[in-house]
């Protein structure tokens, strides 16, 4: 644990004590680098606080005045469920020079989020980020309640399959490589590489029953180190996609997609992992037939 981690965790406990003077939190969860233990000088403090009934904005601002926060902002939000406790608040302020972002919501609202993802298979990046934080976060209060939520949020077979199907989407750059190389497509190619890297990580995370969101991906190597089912040397190979020249980068992307597809097929042999673009079948290993060669065949 870094010294900055210890400091941020101390601030988090001070904040929670201040909230307890105006309300009765059922649970509190520290997320981000302060929770994982590798906070540094650039880290802020991210925390979620849960209540049976969310306190009013006035009560929350009173707690901040007690502790001496500066540049305080509070924003109301709703999960639009129509439930009596749908409203929550997001706070942003500075405490001893540290930016603090704190979300306040009801216990019932948190449980609705879990059901939307695990039961209803609503695969939004926001819900996936929330679930990732639930499992990676550090409970500061209400440990038993947080553990109940983690049990409710265990990735089911249906959710695992749905996430793999969501992420199995790759533009087959290898298939059109010769044509695209001649068309000044550098920016587009890097966009394809970014989306492909996200999808490779997302498919593998689902295979390993880990929650992953593309929203503000940080601590990439920490995440990749948790993947027991994955291609060899995954982390350096993903980085190489953006460091190698175009032919080598494309070849590495093609190999990674092929290897990840093989891992999925081993676990889910019935899943359709075909790749096509337009009317063309474009799996790894396939190539577009050059127009010049096609014209030559027609002449003969």
C-alpha atoms as a PDB file:
ATOM      1  CA  UNK A   1       0.000   0.000   0.000  1.00  0.00           C
ATOM      2  CA  UNK A   2       1.366   3.428  -0.943  1.00  0.00           C
ATOM      3  CA  UNK A   3       1.565   6.356   1.470  1.00  0.00           C
ATOM      4  CA  UNK A   4      -0.921   8.233  -0.696  1.00  0.00           C
ATOM      5  CA  UNK A   5      -3.322   5.302  -0.365  1.00  0.00           C
ATOM      6  CA  UNK A   6      -3.135   5.510   3.437  1.00  0.00           C
ATOM      7  CA  UNK A   7      -3.741   9.236   3.321  1.00  0.00           C
ATOM      8  CA  UNK A   8      -6.756   8.961   1.024  1.00  0.00           C
ATOM      9  CA  UNK A   9      -8.272   6.197   3.123  1.00  0.00           C
ATOM     10  CA  UNK A  10      -7.926   8.413   6.185  1.00  0.00           C
ATOM     11  CA  UNK A  11      -9.739  11.222   4.364  1.00  0.00           C
ATOM     12  CA  UNK A  12     -12.460   8.790   3.341  1.00  0.00           C
ATOM     13  CA  UNK A  13     -13.069   7.810   6.958  1.00  0.00           C
ATOM     14  CA  UNK A  14     -13.198  11.496   7.934  1.00  0.00           C
ATOM     15  CA  UNK A  15     -15.803  12.098   5.237  1.00  0.00           C
ATOM     16  CA  UNK A  16     -17.877   9.142   6.333  1.00  0.00           C
ATOM     17  CA  UNK A  17     -17.803  10.404   9.932  1.00  0.00           C
ATOM     18  CA  UNK A  18     -19.093  13.764   8.707  1.00  0.00           C
ATOM     19  CA  UNK A  19     -21.951  12.142   6.779  1.00  0.00           C
ATOM     20  CA  UNK A  20     -22.900  10.148   9.874  1.00  0.00           C
ATOM     21  CA  UNK A  21     -23.626  13.419  11.699  1.00  0.00           C
ATOM     22  CA  UNK A  22     -26.484  14.247   9.296  1.00  0.00           C
ATOM     23  CA  UNK A  23     -27.698  10.797   8.165  1.00  0.00           C
ATOM     24  CA  UNK A  24     -27.340   7.080   8.801  1.00  0.00           C
ATOM     25  CA  UNK A  25     -25.299   5.397   6.064  1.00  0.00           C
ATOM     26  CA  UNK A  26     -25.967   1.674   5.645  1.00  0.00           C
ATOM     27  CA  UNK A  27     -22.729   1.097   3.754  1.00  0.00           C
ATOM     28  CA  UNK A  28     -19.823   2.916   2.147  1.00  0.00           C
ATOM     29  CA  UNK A  29     -17.527   1.713  -0.614  1.00  0.00           C
ATOM     30  CA  UNK A  30     -14.200   3.272  -1.539  1.00  0.00           C
ATOM     31  CA  UNK A  31     -13.339   2.733  -5.209  1.00  0.00           C
ATOM     32  CA  UNK A  32     -10.462   3.567  -7.529  1.00  0.00           C
ATOM     33  CA  UNK A  33      -6.762   3.541  -6.692  1.00  0.00           C
ATOM     34  CA  UNK A  34      -7.377   4.372  -3.027  1.00  0.00           C
ATOM     35  CA  UNK A  35      -9.256   1.073  -2.784  1.00  0.00           C
ATOM     36  CA  UNK A  36      -6.792  -1.046  -4.765  1.00  0.00           C
ATOM     37  CA  UNK A  37      -3.826   0.324  -2.827  1.00  0.00           C
ATOM     38  CA  UNK A  38      -1.798   1.990  -5.592  1.00  0.00           C
ATOM     39  CA  UNK A  39      -2.816   5.642  -5.259  1.00  0.00           C
ATOM     40  CA  UNK A  40      -0.222   8.218  -6.250  1.00  0.00           C
ATOM     41  CA  UNK A  41       0.193  11.995  -6.148  1.00  0.00           C
ATOM     42  CA  UNK A  42      -2.339  12.404  -8.967  1.00  0.00           C
ATOM     43  CA  UNK A  43      -5.051  10.264  -7.364  1.00  0.00           C
ATOM     44  CA  UNK A  44      -8.357  11.631  -6.197  1.00  0.00           C
ATOM     45  CA  UNK A  45     -10.849  10.114  -3.775  1.00  0.00           C
ATOM     46  CA  UNK A  46     -13.890   8.237  -5.106  1.00  0.00           C
ATOM     47  CA  UNK A  47     -16.510   6.891  -2.727  1.00  0.00           C
ATOM     48  CA  UNK A  48     -20.094   5.641  -2.763  1.00  0.00           C
ATOM     49  CA  UNK A  49     -22.352   5.958   0.262  1.00  0.00           C
ATOM     50  CA  UNK A  50     -25.635   4.033   0.598  1.00  0.00           C
ATOM     51  CA  UNK A  51     -28.693   4.775   2.717  1.00  0.00           C
ATOM     52  CA  UNK A  52     -32.175   3.470   3.314  1.00  0.00           C
ATOM     53  CA  UNK A  53     -33.244   7.027   2.514  1.00  0.00           C
ATOM     54  CA  UNK A  54     -30.816   9.385   0.804  1.00  0.00           C
ATOM     55  CA  UNK A  55     -30.283  12.589   2.804  1.00  0.00           C
ATOM     56  CA  UNK A  56     -31.297  15.930   1.356  1.00  0.00           C
ATOM     57  CA  UNK A  57     -28.904  18.164  -0.527  1.00  0.00           C
ATOM     58  CA  UNK A  58     -29.070  20.592   2.395  1.00  0.00           C
ATOM     59  CA  UNK A  59     -27.997  17.868   4.834  1.00  0.00           C
ATOM     60  CA  UNK A  60     -25.104  16.800   2.596  1.00  0.00           C
ATOM     61  CA  UNK A  61     -23.834  20.365   2.224  1.00  0.00           C
ATOM     62  CA  UNK A  62     -24.030  20.758   6.016  1.00  0.00           C
ATOM     63  CA  UNK A  63     -21.735  17.746   6.390  1.00  0.00           C
ATOM     64  CA  UNK A  64     -19.260  19.317   3.995  1.00  0.00           C
ATOM     65  CA  UNK A  65     -19.251  22.573   5.943  1.00  0.00           C
ATOM     66  CA  UNK A  66     -18.487  20.592   9.089  1.00  0.00           C
ATOM     67  CA  UNK A  67     -15.412  19.009   7.592  1.00  0.00           C
ATOM     68  CA  UNK A  68     -14.189  22.125   5.783  1.00  0.00           C
ATOM     69  CA  UNK A  69     -14.505  21.154   2.129  1.00  0.00           C
ATOM     70  CA  UNK A  70     -13.856  23.747  -0.573  1.00  0.00           C
ATOM     71  CA  UNK A  71     -15.277  24.370  -4.072  1.00  0.00           C
ATOM     72  CA  UNK A  72     -18.299  22.249  -3.228  1.00  0.00           C
ATOM     73  CA  UNK A  73     -20.785  21.166  -5.898  1.00  0.00           C
ATOM     74  CA  UNK A  74     -23.728  18.819  -5.533  1.00  0.00           C
ATOM     75  CA  UNK A  75     -25.690  17.425  -8.493  1.00  0.00           C
ATOM     76  CA  UNK A  76     -28.990  15.578  -8.227  1.00  0.00           C
ATOM     77  CA  UNK A  77     -29.624  12.565 -10.453  1.00  0.00           C
ATOM     78  CA  UNK A  78     -32.193   9.825 -10.842  1.00  0.00           C
ATOM     79  CA  UNK A  79     -32.153   6.248 -12.099  1.00  0.00           C
ATOM     80  CA  UNK A  80     -35.571   6.989 -13.659  1.00  0.00           C
ATOM     81  CA  UNK A  81     -37.047   3.832 -12.160  1.00  0.00           C
ATOM     82  CA  UNK A  82     -40.111   5.597 -10.834  1.00  0.00           C
ATOM     83  CA  UNK A  83     -39.351   4.246  -7.358  1.00  0.00           C
ATOM     84  CA  UNK A  84     -39.742   6.562  -4.344  1.00  0.00           C
ATOM     85  CA  UNK A  85     -35.981   6.414  -3.739  1.00  0.00           C
ATOM     86  CA  UNK A  86     -34.819   6.895  -7.308  1.00  0.00           C
ATOM     87  CA  UNK A  87     -32.996  10.162  -6.596  1.00  0.00           C
ATOM     88  CA  UNK A  88     -29.383  10.329  -5.555  1.00  0.00           C
ATOM     89  CA  UNK A  89     -26.660  12.972  -5.414  1.00  0.00           C
ATOM     90  CA  UNK A  90     -23.135  13.299  -6.736  1.00  0.00           C
ATOM     91  CA  UNK A  91     -20.742  15.559  -4.854  1.00  0.00           C
ATOM     92  CA  UNK A  92     -17.494  17.039  -6.060  1.00  0.00           C
ATOM     93  CA  UNK A  93     -15.305  19.072  -3.713  1.00  0.00           C
ATOM     94  CA  UNK A  94     -11.761  19.504  -2.419  1.00  0.00           C
ATOM     95  CA  UNK A  95     -10.555  18.442   0.997  1.00  0.00           C
ATOM     96  CA  UNK A  96      -6.982  19.299   2.007  1.00  0.00           C
ATOM     97  CA  UNK A  97      -6.248  19.840  -1.681  1.00  0.00           C
ATOM     98  CA  UNK A  98      -7.571  16.404  -2.712  1.00  0.00           C
ATOM     99  CA  UNK A  99     -10.451  16.232  -5.177  1.00  0.00           C
ATOM    100  CA  UNK A 100     -13.247  14.116  -3.708  1.00  0.00           C
ATOM    101  CA  UNK A 101     -16.082  12.609  -5.729  1.00  0.00           C
ATOM    102  CA  UNK A 102     -18.814  11.026  -3.654  1.00  0.00           C
ATOM    103  CA  UNK A 103     -22.057   9.434  -4.830  1.00  0.00           C
ATOM    104  CA  UNK A 104     -25.008   9.060  -2.483  1.00  0.00           C
ATOM    105  CA  UNK A 105     -27.777   6.614  -3.355  1.00  0.00           C
ATOM    106  CA  UNK A 106     -30.283   4.308  -1.737  1.00  0.00           C
ATOM    107  CA  UNK A 107     -29.720   0.644  -0.987  1.00  0.00           C
ATOM    108  CA  UNK A 108     -32.710  -0.197  -3.178  1.00  0.00           C
ATOM    109  CA  UNK A 109     -31.300   1.799  -6.098  1.00  0.00           C
ATOM    110  CA  UNK A 110     -28.044  -0.114  -5.879  1.00  0.00           C
ATOM    111  CA  UNK A 111     -29.904  -3.415  -5.917  1.00  0.00           C
ATOM    112  CA  UNK A 112     -31.899  -2.280  -8.947  1.00  0.00           C
ATOM    113  CA  UNK A 113     -28.610  -1.650 -10.776  1.00  0.00           C
ATOM    114  CA  UNK A 114     -27.461  -5.190 -10.040  1.00  0.00           C
ATOM    115  CA  UNK A 115     -30.724  -6.682 -11.330  1.00  0.00           C
ATOM    116  CA  UNK A 116     -30.643  -4.562 -14.488  1.00  0.00           C
ATOM    117  CA  UNK A 117     -27.281  -6.039 -15.397  1.00  0.00           C
ATOM    118  CA  UNK A 118     -27.356  -9.589 -14.043  1.00  0.00           C
ATOM    119  CA  UNK A 119     -31.033 -10.442 -14.562  1.00  0.00           C
ATOM    120  CA  UNK A 120     -32.223  -8.098 -17.321  1.00  0.00           C
ATOM    121  CA  UNK A 121     -28.880  -8.255 -19.202  1.00  0.00           C
ATOM    122  CA  UNK A 122     -28.754  -4.496 -19.710  1.00  0.00           C
ATOM    123  CA  UNK A 123     -25.142  -4.330 -20.860  1.00  0.00           C
ATOM    124  CA  UNK A 124     -24.403  -0.610 -20.606  1.00  0.00           C
ATOM    125  CA  UNK A 125     -20.841   0.544 -19.975  1.00  0.00           C
ATOM    126  CA  UNK A 126     -22.115   2.499 -16.962  1.00  0.00           C
ATOM    127  CA  UNK A 127     -23.567  -0.591 -15.266  1.00  0.00           C
ATOM    128  CA  UNK A 128     -20.457  -2.620 -16.083  1.00  0.00           C
ATOM    129  CA  UNK A 129     -18.314   0.114 -14.505  1.00  0.00           C
ATOM    130  CA  UNK A 130     -20.525   0.119 -11.412  1.00  0.00           C
ATOM    131  CA  UNK A 131     -20.256  -3.649 -11.068  1.00  0.00           C
ATOM    132  CA  UNK A 132     -16.503  -3.565 -11.545  1.00  0.00           C
ATOM    133  CA  UNK A 133     -16.281  -1.009  -8.737  1.00  0.00           C
ATOM    134  CA  UNK A 134     -18.455  -3.169  -6.493  1.00  0.00           C
ATOM    135  CA  UNK A 135     -16.038  -6.089  -6.760  1.00  0.00           C
ATOM    136  CA  UNK A 136     -12.812  -4.065  -6.717  1.00  0.00           C
ATOM    137  CA  UNK A 137     -13.893  -1.559  -4.064  1.00  0.00           C
ATOM    138  CA  UNK A 138     -13.003  -1.475  -0.386  1.00  0.00           C
ATOM    139  CA  UNK A 139     -15.956  -1.474   2.054  1.00  0.00           C
ATOM    140  CA  UNK A 140     -15.557   1.197   4.738  1.00  0.00           C
ATOM    141  CA  UNK A 141     -18.886   0.384   6.378  1.00  0.00           C
ATOM    142  CA  UNK A 142     -21.656  -2.162   5.890  1.00  0.00           C
ATOM    143  CA  UNK A 143     -19.348  -5.012   4.895  1.00  0.00           C
ATOM    144  CA  UNK A 144     -22.109  -7.603   5.165  1.00  0.00           C
ATOM    145  CA  UNK A 145     -24.402  -5.633   2.864  1.00  0.00           C
ATOM    146  CA  UNK A 146     -21.630  -5.165   0.295  1.00  0.00           C
ATOM    147  CA  UNK A 147     -20.905  -8.893   0.424  1.00  0.00           C
ATOM    148  CA  UNK A 148     -24.592  -9.623  -0.223  1.00  0.00           C
ATOM    149  CA  UNK A 149     -24.450  -7.404  -3.303  1.00  0.00           C
ATOM    150  CA  UNK A 150     -21.355  -9.188  -4.535  1.00  0.00           C
ATOM    151  CA  UNK A 151     -23.150 -12.509  -4.214  1.00  0.00           C
ATOM    152  CA  UNK A 152     -26.090 -11.089  -6.179  1.00  0.00           C
ATOM    153  CA  UNK A 153     -23.685  -9.745  -8.794  1.00  0.00           C
ATOM    154  CA  UNK A 154     -21.770 -12.945  -9.533  1.00  0.00           C
ATOM    155  CA  UNK A 155     -21.594 -13.306 -13.308  1.00  0.00           C
ATOM    156  CA  UNK A 156     -24.069 -15.932 -14.515  1.00  0.00           C
ATOM    157  CA  UNK A 157     -23.627 -18.152 -17.580  1.00  0.00           C
ATOM    158  CA  UNK A 158     -26.279 -16.122 -19.430  1.00  0.00           C
ATOM    159  CA  UNK A 159     -24.535 -12.835 -18.633  1.00  0.00           C
ATOM    160  CA  UNK A 160     -21.162 -14.300 -19.579  1.00  0.00           C
ATOM    161  CA  UNK A 161     -22.469 -15.351 -22.980  1.00  0.00           C
ATOM    162  CA  UNK A 162     -24.213 -12.019 -23.542  1.00  0.00           C
ATOM    163  CA  UNK A 163     -21.037 -10.080 -22.779  1.00  0.00           C
ATOM    164  CA  UNK A 164     -18.972 -12.227 -25.148  1.00  0.00           C
ATOM    165  CA  UNK A 165     -21.521 -11.702 -27.908  1.00  0.00           C
ATOM    166  CA  UNK A 166     -21.541  -7.947 -27.215  1.00  0.00           C
ATOM    167  CA  UNK A 167     -17.752  -7.696 -27.427  1.00  0.00           C
ATOM    168  CA  UNK A 168     -17.206 -10.041 -30.373  1.00  0.00           C
ATOM    169  CA  UNK A 169     -17.120  -7.228 -32.926  1.00  0.00           C
ATOM    170  CA  UNK A 170     -13.973  -6.613 -34.964  1.00  0.00           C
ATOM    171  CA  UNK A 171     -13.455  -4.643 -38.138  1.00  0.00           C
ATOM    172  CA  UNK A 172     -11.326  -7.063 -40.238  1.00  0.00           C
ATOM    173  CA  UNK A 173      -8.468  -4.743 -41.131  1.00  0.00           C
ATOM    174  CA  UNK A 174      -6.386  -7.737 -42.228  1.00  0.00           C
ATOM    175  CA  UNK A 175      -8.953  -8.581 -44.928  1.00  0.00           C
ATOM    176  CA  UNK A 176      -8.842  -5.107 -46.526  1.00  0.00           C
ATOM    177  CA  UNK A 177      -5.240  -4.358 -45.615  1.00  0.00           C
ATOM    178  CA  UNK A 178      -3.847  -3.827 -49.124  1.00  0.00           C
ATOM    179  CA  UNK A 179      -6.692  -1.565 -50.178  1.00  0.00           C
ATOM    180  CA  UNK A 180      -6.651   0.481 -46.964  1.00  0.00           C
ATOM    181  CA  UNK A 181      -2.881   0.889 -46.959  1.00  0.00           C
ATOM    182  CA  UNK A 182      -3.208   2.869 -50.193  1.00  0.00           C
ATOM    183  CA  UNK A 183      -5.904   5.192 -48.860  1.00  0.00           C
ATOM    184  CA  UNK A 184      -4.250   7.281 -46.108  1.00  0.00           C
ATOM    185  CA  UNK A 185      -6.221   5.740 -43.221  1.00  0.00           C
ATOM    186  CA  UNK A 186      -3.899   6.239 -40.242  1.00  0.00           C
ATOM    187  CA  UNK A 187      -6.441   7.836 -37.900  1.00  0.00           C
ATOM    188  CA  UNK A 188      -9.154   5.338 -38.810  1.00  0.00           C
ATOM    189  CA  UNK A 189      -6.725   2.438 -38.310  1.00  0.00           C
ATOM    190  CA  UNK A 190      -5.857   3.584 -34.809  1.00  0.00           C
ATOM    191  CA  UNK A 191      -9.544   3.926 -34.004  1.00  0.00           C
ATOM    192  CA  UNK A 192     -10.050   0.328 -35.168  1.00  0.00           C
ATOM    193  CA  UNK A 193      -7.113  -0.755 -33.006  1.00  0.00           C
ATOM    194  CA  UNK A 194      -8.560   0.950 -29.926  1.00  0.00           C
ATOM    195  CA  UNK A 195     -11.990  -0.626 -30.381  1.00  0.00           C
ATOM    196  CA  UNK A 196     -10.407  -4.002 -31.122  1.00  0.00           C
ATOM    197  CA  UNK A 197      -8.268  -3.824 -27.969  1.00  0.00           C
ATOM    198  CA  UNK A 198     -11.333  -2.988 -25.883  1.00  0.00           C
ATOM    199  CA  UNK A 199     -13.212  -5.929 -27.369  1.00  0.00           C
ATOM    200  CA  UNK A 200     -10.328  -8.354 -26.898  1.00  0.00           C
ATOM    201  CA  UNK A 201     -10.097  -7.372 -23.223  1.00  0.00           C
ATOM    202  CA  UNK A 202     -13.880  -7.471 -22.849  1.00  0.00           C
ATOM    203  CA  UNK A 203     -14.238 -10.965 -24.305  1.00  0.00           C
ATOM    204  CA  UNK A 204     -11.416 -12.278 -22.129  1.00  0.00           C
ATOM    205  CA  UNK A 205     -12.792 -10.561 -19.014  1.00  0.00           C
ATOM    206  CA  UNK A 206     -16.149 -12.280 -19.606  1.00  0.00           C
ATOM    207  CA  UNK A 207     -14.437 -15.635 -20.139  1.00  0.00           C
ATOM    208  CA  UNK A 208     -12.768 -15.131 -16.761  1.00  0.00           C
ATOM    209  CA  UNK A 209     -16.035 -13.933 -15.167  1.00  0.00           C
ATOM    210  CA  UNK A 210     -14.605 -10.490 -14.471  1.00  0.00           C
ATOM    211  CA  UNK A 211     -16.465  -7.243 -15.020  1.00  0.00           C
ATOM    212  CA  UNK A 212     -14.898  -4.801 -17.476  1.00  0.00           C
ATOM    213  CA  UNK A 213     -15.983  -1.448 -18.840  1.00  0.00           C
ATOM    214  CA  UNK A 214     -14.394   0.675 -21.545  1.00  0.00           C
ATOM    215  CA  UNK A 215     -15.219   3.762 -19.492  1.00  0.00           C
ATOM    216  CA  UNK A 216     -11.976   5.406 -18.336  1.00  0.00           C
ATOM    217  CA  UNK A 217      -9.848   2.256 -18.515  1.00  0.00           C
ATOM    218  CA  UNK A 218      -6.999   2.631 -16.018  1.00  0.00           C
ATOM    219  CA  UNK A 219      -4.512   0.261 -14.395  1.00  0.00           C
ATOM    220  CA  UNK A 220      -4.590  -1.859 -17.522  1.00  0.00           C
ATOM    221  CA  UNK A 221      -1.823  -4.215 -16.453  1.00  0.00           C
ATOM    222  CA  UNK A 222      -3.527  -4.883 -13.113  1.00  0.00           C
ATOM    223  CA  UNK A 223      -6.656  -5.990 -14.970  1.00  0.00           C
ATOM    224  CA  UNK A 224      -4.790  -8.112 -17.508  1.00  0.00           C
ATOM    225  CA  UNK A 225      -2.833  -9.853 -14.761  1.00  0.00           C
ATOM    226  CA  UNK A 226      -6.126 -11.245 -13.417  1.00  0.00           C
ATOM    227  CA  UNK A 227      -6.966 -13.012 -16.678  1.00  0.00           C
ATOM    228  CA  UNK A 228      -6.085 -16.664 -16.177  1.00  0.00           C
ATOM    229  CA  UNK A 229      -7.658 -17.596 -19.513  1.00  0.00           C
ATOM    230  CA  UNK A 230      -5.890 -15.417 -22.082  1.00  0.00           C
ATOM    231  CA  UNK A 231      -3.361 -15.546 -24.931  1.00  0.00           C
ATOM    232  CA  UNK A 232       0.265 -15.666 -23.824  1.00  0.00           C
ATOM    233  CA  UNK A 233       2.020 -12.309 -23.262  1.00  0.00           C
ATOM    234  CA  UNK A 234      -1.240 -10.436 -23.661  1.00  0.00           C
ATOM    235  CA  UNK A 235      -0.201  -7.097 -22.148  1.00  0.00           C
ATOM    236  CA  UNK A 236       2.885  -6.478 -24.329  1.00  0.00           C
ATOM    237  CA  UNK A 237       1.055  -7.746 -27.403  1.00  0.00           C
ATOM    238  CA  UNK A 238      -1.799  -5.284 -26.892  1.00  0.00           C
ATOM    239  CA  UNK A 239       0.690  -2.446 -26.487  1.00  0.00           C
ATOM    240  CA  UNK A 240       2.505  -3.609 -29.621  1.00  0.00           C
ATOM    241  CA  UNK A 241      -0.647  -2.978 -31.650  1.00  0.00           C
ATOM    242  CA  UNK A 242       0.026   0.741 -31.209  1.00  0.00           C
ATOM    243  CA  UNK A 243       3.812   0.656 -31.344  1.00  0.00           C
ATOM    244  CA  UNK A 244       4.513  -1.567 -34.372  1.00  0.00           C
ATOM    245  CA  UNK A 245       4.359  -0.463 -37.981  1.00  0.00           C
ATOM    246  CA  UNK A 246       1.161  -1.061 -39.952  1.00  0.00           C
ATOM    247  CA  UNK A 247       1.936  -4.540 -41.376  1.00  0.00           C
ATOM    248  CA  UNK A 248       3.200  -5.934 -38.039  1.00  0.00           C
ATOM    249  CA  UNK A 249       0.379  -4.298 -36.068  1.00  0.00           C
ATOM    250  CA  UNK A 250      -2.247  -5.744 -38.395  1.00  0.00           C
ATOM    251  CA  UNK A 251      -0.685  -9.209 -38.229  1.00  0.00           C
ATOM    252  CA  UNK A 252      -0.651  -9.092 -34.433  1.00  0.00           C
ATOM    253  CA  UNK A 253      -4.281  -8.000 -34.315  1.00  0.00           C
ATOM    254  CA  UNK A 254      -5.213 -10.881 -36.611  1.00  0.00           C
ATOM    255  CA  UNK A 255      -3.360 -13.380 -34.411  1.00  0.00           C
ATOM    256  CA  UNK A 256      -4.931 -12.074 -31.214  1.00  0.00           C
ATOM    257  CA  UNK A 257      -8.472 -12.213 -32.607  1.00  0.00           C
ATOM    258  CA  UNK A 258      -7.838 -15.768 -33.798  1.00  0.00           C
ATOM    259  CA  UNK A 259      -6.435 -16.892 -30.437  1.00  0.00           C
ATOM    260  CA  UNK A 260      -9.212 -15.242 -28.442  1.00  0.00           C
ATOM    261  CA  UNK A 261     -11.768 -16.878 -30.731  1.00  0.00           C
ATOM    262  CA  UNK A 262     -10.182 -20.242 -30.042  1.00  0.00           C
ATOM    263  CA  UNK A 263     -10.452 -19.703 -26.281  1.00  0.00           C
ATOM    264  CA  UNK A 264     -14.129 -18.761 -26.615  1.00  0.00           C
ATOM    265  CA  UNK A 265     -14.847 -21.794 -28.808  1.00  0.00           C
ATOM    266  CA  UNK A 266     -13.342 -24.086 -26.190  1.00  0.00           C
ATOM    267  CA  UNK A 267     -15.698 -22.755 -23.497  1.00  0.00           C
ATOM    268  CA  UNK A 268     -18.735 -22.067 -25.697  1.00  0.00           C
ATOM    269  CA  UNK A 269     -18.530 -24.261 -28.819  1.00  0.00           C
ATOM    270  CA  UNK A 270     -22.073 -23.329 -29.810  1.00  0.00           C
ATOM    271  CA  UNK A 271     -21.438 -19.578 -29.984  1.00  0.00           C
ATOM    272  CA  UNK A 272     -21.307 -18.143 -33.504  1.00  0.00           C
ATOM    273  CA  UNK A 273     -17.976 -16.352 -33.818  1.00  0.00           C
ATOM    274  CA  UNK A 274     -18.057 -15.598 -37.515  1.00  0.00           C
ATOM    275  CA  UNK A 275     -16.730 -12.300 -38.823  1.00  0.00           C
ATOM    276  CA  UNK A 276     -18.042 -10.748 -41.988  1.00  0.00           C
ATOM    277  CA  UNK A 277     -18.178  -7.357 -43.642  1.00  0.00           C
ATOM    278  CA  UNK A 278     -20.887  -6.730 -46.144  1.00  0.00           C
ATOM    279  CA  UNK A 279     -21.317 -10.002 -47.989  1.00  0.00           C
ATOM    280  CA  UNK A 280     -17.721 -11.078 -47.401  1.00  0.00           C
ATOM    281  CA  UNK A 281     -16.644 -13.674 -44.867  1.00  0.00           C
ATOM    282  CA  UNK A 282     -13.642 -12.064 -43.189  1.00  0.00           C
ATOM    283  CA  UNK A 283     -12.241 -14.356 -40.465  1.00  0.00           C
ATOM    284  CA  UNK A 284      -8.565 -14.136 -39.505  1.00  0.00           C
ATOM    285  CA  UNK A 285      -6.494 -15.585 -42.320  1.00  0.00           C
ATOM    286  CA  UNK A 286      -8.776 -14.368 -45.107  1.00  0.00           C
ATOM    287  CA  UNK A 287      -7.871 -11.654 -47.593  1.00  0.00           C
ATOM    288  CA  UNK A 288      -9.705  -9.535 -50.093  1.00  0.00           C
ATOM    289  CA  UNK A 289      -9.129 -10.600 -53.688  1.00  0.00           C
ATOM    290  CA  UNK A 290      -7.280  -7.763 -55.354  1.00  0.00           C
ATOM    291  CA  UNK A 291      -9.153  -6.043 -58.197  1.00  0.00           C
ATOM    292  CA  UNK A 292      -6.217  -6.398 -60.561  1.00  0.00           C
ATOM    293  CA  UNK A 293      -6.035 -10.151 -59.991  1.00  0.00           C
ATOM    294  CA  UNK A 294      -9.785 -10.424 -60.383  1.00  0.00           C
ATOM    295  CA  UNK A 295      -9.680  -8.595 -63.712  1.00  0.00           C
ATOM    296  CA  UNK A 296      -6.931 -10.942 -64.903  1.00  0.00           C
ATOM    297  CA  UNK A 297      -9.064 -13.955 -64.077  1.00  0.00           C
ATOM    298  CA  UNK A 298     -11.976 -12.503 -66.025  1.00  0.00           C
ATOM    299  CA  UNK A 299      -9.852 -11.959 -69.115  1.00  0.00           C
ATOM    300  CA  UNK A 300      -8.779 -15.586 -69.122  1.00  0.00           C
END
